[in-house]
């Protein structure tokens, strides 16, 4: 170590020579390559090795060089404080930076109007409230488990977890009930087709029910009218029975034996009319109007009831 002296090194032909001046002497000026500049020597292991630090006062720059075996091993400019990245404090760094090791941060914020681009797949967890993906597969590649549900409205997502196109779809159920679902389009289309087919069957059943209701109403009206005619003796009724050979066994006017209440008819036939009902193949009541025209033919099934 040198005390009370300023050490000057002179660089010439890649050789380093030095001289001493007392501290406080006039500091020479000039360029590093040809003039004597104030320097500081950091000695090495041997007398001819070490590091030279040069202060170029004219430009407020500091250079350093390594001396090995008395020879200068290149000069390097030492960056100023404003030109380096510090470990603390807020700083704006321009230009592309490459890191060969890990970069650990607690927050990444994009203050620019452009899009923050990630060229490689993100490994690990990704939590975001809003994001735009050009290719969802780049984000989700090699992910085994999809946590939660993927919901999209207004935009499709390609390569989603279930392998289709996910979006919000409306399914029209019976009675104009609107059901909104989030699933693949193919699945929704199949559900909609099944619903449409079910609705078509329901419509057919409803039409059939309406037809049966109309037929019932028509029949009910006719029966009620017939009952009124029977009770008022406006029609004549003949009971005809045939055996298995088609031979008419009996023709009997039964209008006096029938009573009607609403749509319910009841008839009492004398026991001597048939000795047995077993040989009756066909029986029916013919309803005739006042002119003798048959207006209705009612099939009859006989059951013999013994009365004491």
Protein backbone atom coordinates (compact mmCIF):
# COMPACT_ATOMS: atom_id res chain seq x y z
CA UNK A 1 0.00 0.00 0.00
CA UNK A 2 1.16 3.52 -0.79
CA UNK A 3 0.67 6.37 1.66
CA UNK A 4 1.10 10.12 0.94
CA UNK A 5 1.75 9.60 -2.73
CA UNK A 6 -0.33 9.61 -5.89
CA UNK A 7 0.62 6.77 -8.18
CA UNK A 8 0.58 7.41 -11.95
CA UNK A 9 0.73 4.68 -14.51
CA UNK A 10 1.77 5.30 -18.07
CA UNK A 11 0.53 2.91 -20.74
CA UNK A 12 2.78 2.42 -23.72
CA UNK A 13 3.01 -0.56 -26.05
CA UNK A 14 0.87 -2.54 -23.65
CA UNK A 15 3.49 -2.05 -20.94
CA UNK A 16 2.68 -0.35 -17.66
CA UNK A 17 5.21 2.05 -16.09
CA UNK A 18 4.59 4.19 -13.04
CA UNK A 19 5.88 7.23 -11.19
CA UNK A 20 5.12 8.86 -7.87
CA UNK A 21 4.09 12.38 -7.02
CA UNK A 22 3.33 13.73 -3.59
CA UNK A 23 -0.35 13.86 -2.71
CA UNK A 24 -1.83 17.25 -3.71
CA UNK A 25 0.39 17.68 -6.76
CA UNK A 26 -1.05 18.93 -9.99
CA UNK A 27 -3.17 16.22 -11.56
CA UNK A 28 -2.26 15.75 -15.23
CA UNK A 29 -4.98 15.50 -17.90
CA UNK A 30 -5.23 13.77 -21.27
CA UNK A 31 -6.30 10.49 -22.77
CA UNK A 32 -5.75 7.10 -21.27
CA UNK A 33 -3.68 5.81 -24.14
CA UNK A 34 -1.01 8.55 -24.16
CA UNK A 35 -1.11 10.63 -21.00
CA UNK A 36 -0.47 10.18 -17.34
CA UNK A 37 -3.74 9.95 -15.44
CA UNK A 38 -4.43 9.61 -11.73
CA UNK A 39 -4.79 5.94 -10.98
CA UNK A 40 -5.21 3.64 -8.02
CA UNK A 41 -3.31 0.39 -7.79
CA UNK A 42 -4.83 -2.70 -6.26
CA UNK A 43 -1.78 -4.97 -5.88
CA UNK A 44 -1.95 -8.61 -6.85
CA UNK A 45 -0.06 -11.58 -5.51
CA UNK A 46 3.21 -10.47 -7.11
CA UNK A 47 4.64 -7.04 -7.72
CA UNK A 48 3.90 -6.99 -11.44
CA UNK A 49 0.24 -8.18 -11.13
CA UNK A 50 -2.84 -6.31 -10.03
CA UNK A 51 -5.69 -4.09 -11.13
CA UNK A 52 -5.48 -0.48 -12.29
CA UNK A 53 -8.40 1.89 -11.72
CA UNK A 54 -8.18 5.05 -13.85
CA UNK A 55 -10.19 8.20 -13.36
CA UNK A 56 -10.60 10.25 -16.56
CA UNK A 57 -11.61 13.57 -15.06
CA UNK A 58 -12.24 15.34 -18.35
CA UNK A 59 -15.16 13.01 -19.13
CA UNK A 60 -16.09 11.96 -15.60
CA UNK A 61 -15.40 8.36 -16.53
CA UNK A 62 -13.60 5.63 -14.68
CA UNK A 63 -11.74 2.76 -16.36
CA UNK A 64 -10.26 -0.39 -14.98
CA UNK A 65 -7.70 -2.81 -16.37
CA UNK A 66 -5.99 -5.94 -15.21
CA UNK A 67 -2.19 -6.07 -15.11
CA UNK A 68 -0.61 -9.48 -15.43
CA UNK A 69 3.14 -9.95 -15.40
CA UNK A 70 3.55 -6.24 -15.99
CA UNK A 71 1.27 -6.23 -19.03
CA UNK A 72 -2.06 -4.49 -19.44
CA UNK A 73 -4.97 -6.86 -20.13
CA UNK A 74 -7.53 -4.53 -21.76
CA UNK A 75 -9.42 -1.53 -20.41
CA UNK A 76 -13.07 -1.64 -19.29
CA UNK A 77 -15.33 1.32 -18.69
CA UNK A 78 -16.95 1.31 -15.27
CA UNK A 79 -20.62 2.28 -15.62
CA UNK A 80 -21.92 5.24 -13.72
CA UNK A 81 -24.47 4.96 -10.94
CA UNK A 82 -27.30 6.00 -13.25
CA UNK A 83 -26.34 3.32 -15.75
CA UNK A 84 -26.65 0.25 -13.55
CA UNK A 85 -29.51 -1.67 -11.95
CA UNK A 86 -29.60 -1.41 -8.19
CA UNK A 87 -30.86 -3.93 -5.69
CA UNK A 88 -33.30 -1.46 -4.12
CA UNK A 89 -35.48 1.41 -5.29
CA UNK A 90 -37.76 1.95 -8.28
CA UNK A 91 -36.07 2.07 -11.69
CA UNK A 92 -37.03 2.04 -15.37
CA UNK A 93 -34.82 -0.29 -17.40
CA UNK A 94 -34.76 0.08 -21.19
CA UNK A 95 -33.87 -2.58 -23.74
CA UNK A 96 -34.20 -6.35 -23.82
CA UNK A 97 -32.74 -8.22 -20.86
CA UNK A 98 -31.92 -11.91 -20.70
CA UNK A 99 -31.64 -13.83 -17.44
CA UNK A 100 -29.88 -17.16 -17.33
CA UNK A 101 -31.20 -17.90 -13.86
CA UNK A 102 -34.58 -17.68 -12.16
CA UNK A 103 -36.44 -14.39 -11.80
CA UNK A 104 -38.51 -14.26 -8.62
CA UNK A 105 -41.10 -11.48 -8.44
CA UNK A 106 -44.21 -10.86 -6.37
CA UNK A 107 -46.01 -8.78 -9.02
CA UNK A 108 -45.80 -8.32 -12.79
CA UNK A 109 -47.46 -5.18 -14.15
CA UNK A 110 -47.69 -4.11 -17.78
CA UNK A 111 -47.88 -0.31 -17.92
CA UNK A 112 -47.78 -0.16 -21.69
CA UNK A 113 -50.71 -0.18 -24.09
CA UNK A 114 -49.35 -3.20 -25.93
CA UNK A 115 -49.91 -6.87 -25.15
CA UNK A 116 -47.66 -8.71 -22.71
CA UNK A 117 -46.41 -11.75 -24.64
CA UNK A 118 -45.30 -15.09 -23.19
CA UNK A 119 -43.58 -17.13 -25.91
CA UNK A 120 -43.23 -20.26 -23.81
CA UNK A 121 -45.78 -22.30 -21.82
CA UNK A 122 -46.30 -21.15 -18.25
CA UNK A 123 -45.41 -23.90 -15.78
CA UNK A 124 -47.34 -23.82 -12.51
CA UNK A 125 -50.48 -22.00 -11.40
CA UNK A 126 -52.00 -19.13 -13.34
CA UNK A 127 -54.58 -16.94 -11.62
CA UNK A 128 -56.22 -14.22 -13.68
CA UNK A 129 -59.56 -12.42 -13.82
CA UNK A 130 -59.33 -11.52 -17.49
CA UNK A 131 -57.02 -12.74 -20.21
CA UNK A 132 -56.90 -13.09 -23.99
CA UNK A 133 -55.30 -16.23 -25.39
CA UNK A 134 -54.41 -16.67 -29.05
CA UNK A 135 -54.08 -20.42 -28.55
CA UNK A 136 -55.43 -21.90 -25.35
CA UNK A 137 -53.30 -25.01 -25.87
CA UNK A 138 -50.14 -22.96 -25.26
CA UNK A 139 -51.44 -22.04 -21.82
CA UNK A 140 -52.97 -25.39 -20.90
CA UNK A 141 -50.37 -27.69 -22.46
CA UNK A 142 -49.30 -30.62 -20.29
CA UNK A 143 -51.80 -29.70 -17.58
CA UNK A 144 -53.22 -32.92 -16.16
CA UNK A 145 -55.94 -31.59 -13.88
CA UNK A 146 -58.19 -28.67 -14.70
CA UNK A 147 -59.27 -27.00 -11.46
CA UNK A 148 -62.68 -25.36 -11.44
CA UNK A 149 -64.82 -24.61 -14.48
CA UNK A 150 -64.03 -22.73 -17.69
CA UNK A 151 -66.70 -20.16 -18.50
CA UNK A 152 -66.76 -18.11 -21.67
CA UNK A 153 -69.41 -15.71 -22.91
CA UNK A 154 -69.23 -14.08 -26.31
CA UNK A 155 -65.95 -15.70 -27.41
CA UNK A 156 -65.08 -19.30 -28.16
CA UNK A 157 -62.16 -21.13 -26.55
CA UNK A 158 -60.33 -23.68 -28.69
CA UNK A 159 -58.84 -26.81 -27.08
CA UNK A 160 -60.83 -26.45 -23.89
CA UNK A 161 -60.68 -29.23 -21.24
CA UNK A 162 -63.58 -31.25 -22.69
CA UNK A 163 -62.26 -31.07 -26.23
CA UNK A 164 -64.96 -28.98 -27.90
CA UNK A 165 -66.05 -25.37 -28.19
CA UNK A 166 -67.42 -23.93 -24.98
CA UNK A 167 -69.86 -21.07 -24.83
CA UNK A 168 -73.17 -20.06 -23.34
CA UNK A 169 -76.12 -21.64 -25.15
CA UNK A 170 -79.87 -21.39 -24.71
CA UNK A 171 -81.95 -24.58 -24.82
CA UNK A 172 -85.68 -24.15 -25.41
CA UNK A 173 -87.58 -26.67 -23.32
CA UNK A 174 -91.30 -27.46 -23.26
CA UNK A 175 -93.79 -24.65 -22.60
CA UNK A 176 -91.24 -22.04 -23.74
CA UNK A 177 -89.03 -22.60 -20.71
CA UNK A 178 -85.56 -21.21 -21.48
CA UNK A 179 -82.60 -23.09 -20.04
CA UNK A 180 -79.10 -21.58 -20.25
CA UNK A 181 -76.14 -23.96 -20.12
CA UNK A 182 -72.37 -23.77 -20.42
CA UNK A 183 -70.97 -26.77 -22.25
CA UNK A 184 -69.61 -27.88 -25.60
CA UNK A 185 -71.60 -26.90 -28.67
CA UNK A 186 -71.86 -30.52 -29.83
CA UNK A 187 -73.31 -31.54 -26.48
CA UNK A 188 -75.76 -28.64 -26.44
CA UNK A 189 -76.85 -29.46 -30.01
CA UNK A 190 -77.54 -33.06 -29.02
CA UNK A 191 -79.52 -31.92 -25.98
CA UNK A 192 -81.49 -29.45 -28.10
CA UNK A 193 -82.27 -32.17 -30.65
CA UNK A 194 -83.50 -34.50 -27.90
CA UNK A 195 -85.61 -31.70 -26.43
CA UNK A 196 -87.08 -30.89 -29.84
CA UNK A 197 -87.99 -34.55 -30.38
CA UNK A 198 -89.56 -34.73 -26.93
CA UNK A 199 -91.50 -31.53 -27.61
CA UNK A 200 -92.74 -33.01 -30.89
CA UNK A 201 -93.96 -36.12 -29.08
CA UNK A 202 -95.60 -33.96 -26.42
CA UNK A 203 -97.30 -31.92 -29.15
CA UNK A 204 -98.57 -35.14 -30.75
CA UNK A 205 -99.87 -36.39 -27.41
CA UNK A 206 -101.55 -33.07 -26.75
CA UNK A 207 -103.24 -33.19 -30.16
CA UNK A 208 -104.39 -36.76 -29.46
CA UNK A 209 -105.72 -35.73 -26.06
CA UNK A 210 -107.57 -32.81 -27.62
CA UNK A 211 -109.07 -35.13 -30.25
CA UNK A 212 -110.15 -37.59 -27.56
CA UNK A 213 -111.60 -34.76 -25.50
CA UNK A 214 -113.54 -33.57 -28.54
CA UNK A 215 -114.77 -37.10 -29.27
CA UNK A 216 -115.75 -37.56 -25.65
CA UNK A 217 -117.60 -34.26 -25.61
CA UNK A 218 -119.39 -35.18 -28.84
CA UNK A 219 -120.27 -38.65 -27.53
CA UNK A 220 -121.36 -37.25 -24.17
CA UNK A 221 -123.65 -34.79 -25.91
CA UNK A 222 -125.08 -37.54 -28.11
CA UNK A 223 -125.61 -39.86 -25.12
CA UNK A 224 -127.29 -37.12 -23.14
CA UNK A 225 -129.53 -36.33 -26.10
CA UNK A 226 -130.32 -40.04 -26.51
CA UNK A 227 -131.07 -40.37 -22.81
CA UNK A 228 -133.45 -37.46 -23.04
CA UNK A 229 -135.16 -39.00 -26.03
CA UNK A 230 -135.45 -42.35 -24.24
CA UNK A 231 -136.93 -40.85 -21.12
CA UNK A 232 -139.38 -38.77 -23.16
CA UNK A 233 -140.31 -41.81 -25.28
CA UNK A 234 -139.33 -39.96 -28.45
CA UNK A 235 -137.61 -43.05 -29.87
CA UNK A 236 -138.39 -46.74 -30.09
CA UNK A 237 -135.80 -49.34 -29.15
CA UNK A 238 -135.59 -52.95 -30.32
CA UNK A 239 -133.44 -55.59 -28.64
CA UNK A 240 -132.18 -58.16 -31.16
CA UNK A 241 -130.35 -61.37 -30.23
CA UNK A 242 -128.71 -63.84 -32.61
CA UNK A 243 -127.24 -67.28 -32.04
CA UNK A 244 -123.91 -68.54 -33.38
CA UNK A 245 -125.58 -69.44 -36.69
CA UNK A 246 -126.76 -65.88 -37.09
CA UNK A 247 -130.39 -66.80 -36.49
CA UNK A 248 -132.45 -64.10 -34.86
CA UNK A 249 -133.69 -65.45 -31.59
CA UNK A 250 -135.65 -62.57 -30.25
CA UNK A 251 -136.81 -59.14 -31.18
CA UNK A 252 -138.29 -57.22 -28.34
CA UNK A 253 -139.28 -53.61 -27.89
CA UNK A 254 -137.43 -52.49 -24.80
CA UNK A 255 -138.05 -48.78 -24.72
CA UNK A 256 -140.29 -49.30 -21.70
CA UNK A 257 -137.56 -51.32 -19.94
CA UNK A 258 -134.77 -48.73 -20.23
CA UNK A 259 -134.21 -45.73 -17.99
CA UNK A 260 -131.44 -43.19 -18.45
CA UNK A 261 -129.80 -40.87 -15.96
CA UNK A 262 -127.22 -38.57 -17.53
CA UNK A 263 -125.05 -40.89 -19.60
CA UNK A 264 -125.88 -44.05 -17.62
CA UNK A 265 -128.39 -46.53 -19.04
CA UNK A 266 -130.01 -49.36 -17.14
CA UNK A 267 -132.39 -52.03 -18.44
CA UNK A 268 -134.32 -54.80 -16.76
CA UNK A 269 -135.26 -57.74 -18.99
CA UNK A 270 -137.73 -60.39 -17.78
CA UNK A 271 -136.13 -63.71 -16.89
CA UNK A 272 -138.37 -65.68 -19.21
CA UNK A 273 -136.90 -63.83 -22.18
CA UNK A 274 -133.93 -66.25 -22.26
CA UNK A 275 -133.54 -69.61 -20.68
CA UNK A 276 -129.76 -69.20 -21.05
CA UNK A 277 -127.47 -66.49 -22.30
CA UNK A 278 -124.81 -68.96 -23.36
CA UNK A 279 -126.13 -69.45 -26.88
CA UNK A 280 -126.42 -65.74 -27.62
CA UNK A 281 -123.71 -64.83 -30.16
CA UNK A 282 -124.66 -61.23 -30.84
CA UNK A 283 -127.06 -58.78 -29.30
CA UNK A 284 -127.67 -55.13 -29.91
CA UNK A 285 -130.26 -52.46 -29.37
CA UNK A 286 -131.46 -50.57 -32.41
CA UNK A 287 -132.66 -47.06 -31.75
CA UNK A 288 -135.25 -45.84 -34.24
CA UNK A 289 -136.82 -42.46 -34.69
CA UNK A 290 -140.52 -41.84 -35.18
CA UNK A 291 -140.26 -42.69 -38.87
CA UNK A 292 -138.68 -46.08 -38.11
CA UNK A 293 -135.18 -45.06 -39.24
CA UNK A 294 -132.35 -46.62 -37.22
CA UNK A 295 -130.31 -43.73 -35.80
CA UNK A 296 -128.04 -45.77 -33.53
CA UNK A 297 -127.00 -49.35 -32.90
CA UNK A 298 -125.71 -50.21 -29.43
CA UNK A 299 -123.91 -53.57 -28.85
CA UNK A 300 -125.14 -55.44 -25.78
CA UNK A 301 -123.39 -58.02 -23.60
CA UNK A 302 -125.71 -60.14 -21.47
CA UNK A 303 -125.03 -61.34 -17.99
CA UNK A 304 -127.67 -63.57 -16.42
CA UNK A 305 -128.47 -62.49 -12.90
CA UNK A 306 -130.72 -64.69 -10.82
CA UNK A 307 -133.15 -62.90 -8.60
CA UNK A 308 -135.03 -64.46 -5.69
